[in-house]
Protein backbone atom coordinates (compact mmCIF):
# COMPACT_ATOMS: atom_id res chain seq x y z
CA UNK A 1 86.08 150.09 130.12
CA UNK A 2 89.37 148.33 130.58
CA UNK A 3 91.73 146.42 128.28
CA UNK A 4 94.55 144.17 129.47
CA UNK A 5 97.46 144.21 127.00
CA UNK A 6 100.55 142.03 126.68
CA UNK A 7 104.01 142.93 125.32
CA UNK A 8 105.89 141.38 122.41
CA UNK A 9 109.45 140.48 121.52
CA UNK A 10 112.16 142.88 122.61
CA UNK A 11 110.79 143.17 126.14
CA UNK A 12 112.85 140.20 127.38
CA UNK A 13 115.78 140.75 129.75
CA UNK A 14 117.95 138.57 131.94
CA UNK A 15 116.49 138.43 135.44
CA UNK A 16 112.90 138.74 134.21
CA UNK A 17 110.40 137.18 136.62
CA UNK A 18 113.05 136.33 139.24
CA UNK A 19 111.80 138.71 141.95
CA UNK A 20 108.22 137.66 141.31
CA UNK A 21 109.12 133.96 141.58
CA UNK A 22 110.86 134.62 144.88
CA UNK A 23 107.91 136.55 146.25
CA UNK A 24 105.05 134.37 145.07
CA UNK A 25 104.30 130.65 144.77
CA UNK A 26 101.73 131.47 142.06
CA UNK A 27 104.52 132.88 139.85
CA UNK A 28 106.83 129.94 140.58
CA UNK A 29 104.09 127.53 139.48
CA UNK A 30 103.78 129.32 136.13
CA UNK A 31 107.52 129.08 135.45
CA UNK A 32 107.60 125.40 136.50
CA UNK A 33 104.63 124.56 134.30
CA UNK A 34 106.28 126.24 131.30
CA UNK A 35 109.57 124.42 131.97
CA UNK A 36 107.68 121.10 132.08
CA UNK A 37 105.71 121.85 128.92
CA UNK A 38 108.87 122.69 126.99
CA UNK A 39 111.10 120.06 128.56
CA UNK A 40 113.74 122.71 129.16
CA UNK A 41 114.81 124.96 132.03
CA UNK A 42 113.53 128.14 130.42
CA UNK A 43 113.10 129.72 133.87
CA UNK A 44 116.85 129.36 134.50
CA UNK A 45 117.63 131.09 131.19
CA UNK A 46 115.20 133.87 132.14
CA UNK A 47 116.79 134.23 135.54
CA UNK A 48 120.49 133.86 134.71
CA UNK A 49 120.83 134.19 130.94
CA UNK A 50 123.14 134.25 129.04
CA UNK A 51 121.46 137.08 127.20
CA UNK A 52 122.18 135.73 123.70
CA UNK A 53 120.40 132.48 124.60
CA UNK A 54 117.40 134.30 126.08
CA UNK A 55 117.22 136.52 122.98
CA UNK A 56 116.91 133.51 120.65
CA UNK A 57 113.41 133.81 119.23
CA UNK A 58 112.39 130.32 120.35
CA UNK A 59 113.30 131.20 123.97
CA UNK A 60 112.29 134.87 124.02
CA UNK A 61 108.73 134.20 122.86
CA UNK A 62 107.69 131.69 125.57
CA UNK A 63 109.74 133.61 128.17
CA UNK A 64 107.90 136.90 127.59
CA UNK A 65 104.58 135.05 127.71
CA UNK A 66 105.49 133.17 130.92
CA UNK A 67 106.55 136.39 132.62
CA UNK A 68 103.27 138.16 131.78
CA UNK A 69 101.11 135.19 132.77
CA UNK A 70 103.02 134.96 136.07
CA UNK A 71 102.09 138.59 136.77
CA UNK A 72 98.47 137.80 135.92
CA UNK A 73 98.37 134.67 138.11
CA UNK A 74 99.80 136.56 141.09
CA UNK A 75 97.25 139.32 140.53
CA UNK A 76 94.45 136.77 140.33
CA UNK A 77 95.52 134.60 143.23
CA UNK A 78 96.87 137.15 145.68
CA UNK A 79 94.88 140.16 144.57
CA UNK A 80 91.64 138.20 144.36
CA UNK A 81 91.06 139.56 140.86
CA UNK A 82 89.73 137.58 137.91
CA UNK A 83 90.64 138.81 134.45
CA UNK A 84 87.22 137.97 133.03
CA UNK A 85 85.52 140.24 135.58
CA UNK A 86 87.97 143.13 135.31
CA UNK A 87 88.79 143.17 131.58
CA UNK A 88 86.43 144.14 128.77
CA UNK A 89 89.02 143.28 126.11
CA UNK A 90 92.49 141.77 125.76
CA UNK A 91 95.16 142.44 123.14
CA UNK A 92 98.82 141.62 122.66
CA UNK A 93 101.66 142.81 120.45
CA UNK A 94 102.67 140.02 118.03
CA UNK A 95 103.58 137.05 120.29
CA UNK A 96 101.67 138.94 123.02
CA UNK A 97 98.50 137.95 121.20
CA UNK A 98 99.15 134.35 122.35
CA UNK A 99 99.65 135.62 125.91
CA UNK A 100 96.35 137.52 125.65
CA UNK A 101 94.58 134.36 124.46
CA UNK A 102 96.10 132.34 127.29
CA UNK A 103 94.92 135.02 129.73
CA UNK A 104 91.44 134.87 128.18
CA UNK A 105 91.32 131.08 128.58
CA UNK A 106 91.51 130.16 124.88
CA UNK A 107 94.78 128.24 125.36
CA UNK A 108 96.18 126.44 128.39
CA UNK A 109 99.51 127.72 129.70
CA UNK A 110 101.33 124.55 128.55
CA UNK A 111 99.85 124.76 125.04
CA UNK A 112 100.69 128.46 124.78
CA UNK A 113 104.31 127.77 125.73
CA UNK A 114 104.60 124.95 123.19
CA UNK A 115 102.95 126.97 120.42
CA UNK A 116 105.28 129.91 121.03
CA UNK A 117 108.37 127.71 121.13
CA UNK A 118 107.33 126.27 117.79
CA UNK A 119 106.45 129.71 116.41
CA UNK A 120 109.91 130.97 117.36
CA UNK A 121 111.61 127.96 115.77
CA UNK A 122 109.49 128.21 112.62
CA UNK A 123 110.13 131.96 112.25
CA UNK A 124 113.85 131.37 112.69
CA UNK A 125 113.89 128.53 110.16
CA UNK A 126 111.79 130.34 107.55
CA UNK A 127 114.65 132.53 106.33
CA UNK A 128 118.38 131.70 106.38
CA UNK A 129 120.34 133.88 108.81
CA UNK A 130 121.61 137.03 107.10
CA UNK A 131 118.98 137.06 104.35
CA UNK A 132 116.38 139.14 106.17
CA UNK A 133 116.41 142.14 108.47
CA UNK A 134 114.17 144.63 110.26
CA UNK A 135 114.49 148.30 111.11
CA UNK A 136 112.60 150.77 113.27
CA UNK A 137 111.71 154.10 111.73
CA UNK A 138 111.65 156.81 114.38
CA UNK A 139 109.69 159.96 113.70
CA UNK A 140 107.74 158.18 110.95
CA UNK A 141 104.01 157.80 110.52
CA UNK A 142 102.49 154.98 108.50
CA UNK A 143 102.24 156.99 105.24
CA UNK A 144 105.90 158.01 105.22
CA UNK A 145 106.94 154.48 106.19
CA UNK A 146 104.84 152.96 103.41
CA UNK A 147 106.34 155.26 100.77
CA UNK A 148 109.87 154.57 102.01
CA UNK A 149 109.26 150.79 101.96
CA UNK A 150 108.02 150.95 98.37
CA UNK A 151 111.01 153.05 97.28
CA UNK A 152 113.57 150.83 99.03
CA UNK A 153 112.16 147.49 97.85
CA UNK A 154 113.63 147.50 94.31
CA UNK A 155 112.10 144.10 93.59
CA UNK A 156 112.89 142.69 97.04
CA UNK A 157 110.54 142.34 100.01
CA UNK A 158 110.28 145.51 102.10
CA UNK A 159 107.02 145.98 104.00
CA UNK A 160 105.58 147.57 107.11
CA UNK A 161 105.75 144.92 109.85
CA UNK A 162 104.58 146.89 112.89
CA UNK A 163 102.59 150.10 112.97
CA UNK A 164 103.36 150.77 116.63
CA UNK A 165 102.32 154.38 117.17
CA UNK A 166 102.21 157.67 115.21
CA UNK A 167 105.98 158.12 115.60
CA UNK A 168 107.31 154.57 115.25
CA UNK A 169 106.91 152.09 112.42
CA UNK A 170 108.95 148.92 111.84
CA UNK A 171 109.92 147.62 108.38
CA UNK A 172 110.78 144.01 107.58
CA UNK A 173 112.12 142.20 104.52
CA UNK A 174 115.30 141.37 102.62
CA UNK A 175 118.47 142.67 104.24
CA UNK A 176 119.49 144.73 101.21
CA UNK A 177 116.10 146.43 101.03
CA UNK A 178 116.13 147.23 104.76
CA UNK A 179 119.64 148.69 104.47
CA UNK A 180 118.48 150.85 101.55
CA UNK A 181 115.49 152.01 103.60
CA UNK A 182 117.74 153.06 106.50
CA UNK A 183 119.98 154.98 104.08
CA UNK A 184 116.99 156.78 102.54
CA UNK A 185 115.13 157.95 105.67
CA UNK A 186 116.02 161.65 105.31
CA UNK A 187 114.52 161.80 101.80
CA UNK A 188 111.19 160.85 103.35
CA UNK A 189 111.44 163.32 106.26
CA UNK A 190 111.89 160.50 108.75
CA UNK A 191 114.09 161.25 111.76
CA UNK A 192 116.10 158.04 111.65
CA UNK A 193 116.17 154.36 110.82
CA UNK A 194 117.65 151.89 113.28
CA UNK A 195 118.53 148.29 112.39
CA UNK A 196 116.90 145.96 114.92
CA UNK A 197 118.87 143.16 116.61
CA UNK A 198 116.52 140.41 115.41
CA UNK A 199 117.43 137.06 113.95
CA UNK A 200 114.72 136.96 111.27
CA UNK A 201 112.43 139.33 109.30
CA UNK A 202 109.16 138.95 111.18
CA UNK A 203 105.71 139.94 109.87
CA UNK A 204 106.53 139.98 106.18
CA UNK A 205 105.87 137.61 103.24
CA UNK A 206 109.26 135.90 103.77
CA UNK A 207 107.68 134.28 106.85
CA UNK A 208 105.26 132.14 104.77
CA UNK A 209 106.95 128.82 105.77
CA UNK A 210 106.42 129.78 109.43
CA UNK A 211 102.77 130.64 108.74
CA UNK A 212 102.33 127.17 107.21
CA UNK A 213 103.93 125.58 110.27
CA UNK A 214 101.60 127.53 112.58
CA UNK A 215 98.56 126.57 110.50
CA UNK A 216 99.47 122.93 111.08
CA UNK A 217 100.20 123.41 114.81
CA UNK A 218 97.00 125.37 115.43
CA UNK A 219 95.06 122.70 113.54
CA UNK A 220 96.21 120.22 116.20
CA UNK A 221 95.87 122.67 119.14
CA UNK A 222 93.02 125.00 118.20
CA UNK A 223 91.99 127.86 120.51
CA UNK A 224 88.97 127.24 122.73
CA UNK A 225 86.31 129.70 123.86
CA UNK A 226 87.49 133.17 124.93
CA UNK A 227 86.31 134.50 128.28
CA UNK A 228 87.19 138.03 127.11
CA UNK A 229 87.10 139.23 123.46
CA UNK A 230 90.41 139.95 121.70
CA UNK A 231 91.44 142.88 119.51
CA UNK A 232 93.43 141.07 116.79
CA UNK A 233 96.74 142.37 115.41
CA UNK A 234 96.01 141.80 111.73
CA UNK A 235 92.53 143.34 111.66
CA UNK A 236 92.69 145.85 114.54
CA UNK A 237 89.15 144.64 115.22
CA UNK A 238 87.45 142.62 117.93
CA UNK A 239 87.16 138.85 117.60
CA UNK A 240 85.71 136.21 119.90
CA UNK A 241 84.99 133.25 117.59
CA UNK A 242 87.73 130.60 118.13
CA UNK A 243 87.79 129.54 114.46
CA UNK A 244 88.32 133.17 113.44
CA UNK A 245 91.03 133.55 116.09
CA UNK A 246 92.80 130.50 114.69
CA UNK A 247 92.73 131.90 111.13
CA UNK A 248 94.03 135.30 112.27
CA UNK A 249 96.90 133.76 114.25
CA UNK A 250 98.12 132.12 111.05
CA UNK A 251 97.74 135.38 109.08
CA UNK A 252 99.56 137.23 111.84
CA UNK A 253 102.90 135.51 111.08
CA UNK A 254 103.27 137.32 107.73
CA UNK A 255 100.78 140.09 108.43
CA UNK A 256 101.21 143.56 109.83
CA UNK A 257 100.90 144.18 113.58
CA UNK A 258 98.36 147.02 113.50
CA UNK A 259 99.01 148.11 117.05
CA UNK A 260 98.33 151.84 116.67
CA UNK A 261 95.02 151.12 114.94
CA UNK A 262 94.12 148.51 117.57
CA UNK A 263 94.65 151.02 120.37
CA UNK A 264 92.50 153.60 118.58
CA UNK A 265 89.81 150.97 117.92
CA UNK A 266 89.81 149.96 121.60
CA UNK A 267 89.34 153.57 122.62
CA UNK A 268 86.49 153.94 120.12
CA UNK A 269 84.95 150.80 121.67
CA UNK A 270 84.95 152.61 125.03
CA UNK A 271 88.29 151.62 126.61
CA UNK A 272 89.68 154.41 128.79
CA UNK A 273 92.00 152.29 130.91
CA UNK A 274 94.85 150.11 129.61
CA UNK A 275 96.76 147.70 131.86
CA UNK A 276 100.02 146.29 130.48
CA UNK A 277 101.06 143.08 132.20
CA UNK A 278 104.68 141.93 132.23
CA UNK A 279 106.36 144.89 130.57
CA UNK A 280 106.64 148.63 130.13
CA UNK A 281 106.84 148.68 126.36
CA UNK A 282 103.26 149.14 125.16
CA UNK A 283 102.37 151.91 127.62
CA UNK A 284 104.37 154.64 125.85
CA UNK A 285 103.05 153.50 122.44
CA UNK A 286 99.48 153.68 123.72
CA UNK A 287 100.11 157.15 125.16
CA UNK A 288 101.36 158.38 121.78
CA UNK A 289 98.43 156.82 119.89
CA UNK A 290 95.47 158.07 121.96
CA UNK A 291 94.85 160.71 124.58
CA UNK A 292 92.49 160.79 127.57
CA UNK A 293 93.28 157.24 128.69
CA UNK A 294 95.10 155.89 131.72
CA UNK A 295 97.90 153.39 131.20
CA UNK A 296 99.25 151.20 134.01
CA UNK A 297 102.31 148.99 133.51
CA UNK A 298 102.53 146.08 135.92
CA UNK A 299 105.80 144.16 136.30
CA UNK A 300 106.70 143.50 139.94
CA UNK A 301 105.05 142.80 143.26
CA UNK A 302 104.59 146.48 144.19
CA UNK A 303 102.86 147.15 140.83
CA UNK A 304 100.59 144.14 141.37
CA UNK A 305 99.61 145.23 144.88
CA UNK A 306 98.86 148.76 143.66
CA UNK A 307 96.73 147.49 140.78
CA UNK A 308 94.84 145.02 143.01
CA UNK A 309 93.88 147.93 145.29
CA UNK A 310 92.79 150.04 142.36
CA UNK A 311 90.66 147.28 140.82
């Protein structure tokens, strides 16, 4: 069985999608459609930067999605592949969940772009700049990370935001608590703590205003039927009912991204082949979480041609 997976924030870089757009009309159409939906030249920011503008959450989120969907469209149009026939499941890391739902037909491309733009803006606005922070714990499993978060909180918010793989967990919360956590890593036998260059503390209770904004937005633009079932971030379980998907997308804003558990659950469900579209971020995490699976990361034209042959 095969799962198609989609990367999250942090996988953006200046120049993303440029080669693909040059090589394929299908990719160009995706970028044009996203530009139109947002009323901004996002494709130009993706192509030329500047990097600090691309990294803004409200730009990075739709950009990462557009890049992955462009890869998928080229694969479908020029490789003659349809996702619904070749994928048993889809999943995405945080914002990648929206990409996965777009790929599965639950949202149109234009709606996905608008929802992600809004999600980025709402996440940014939820917490004043400088109040929140995030850090990656390297060489930490979920138990050590949990204990560290509890010890560092001291009455502030400090929670596990992303359980990425058995060696990498991300904490999110108040800046002071995150700084304390980084200072205390050795006490918990964690290799190191690295402050992340993010503009807001994602996936923690401080994001509640953003969750409320997404509840309202998804009420107006609810997901439709899924052609392929989704493994959801917050439950690490399969979901295909649109109403349930809608509820989980709202929960996901403050909730933990249970990526490691999702990967294990997919393997238990029979997945032995993972295809990451639009990035090379999830592949290594998957490899550290489960064994006896193949992982293919597909970014450029050569990758797409190779995958089309294989499928």
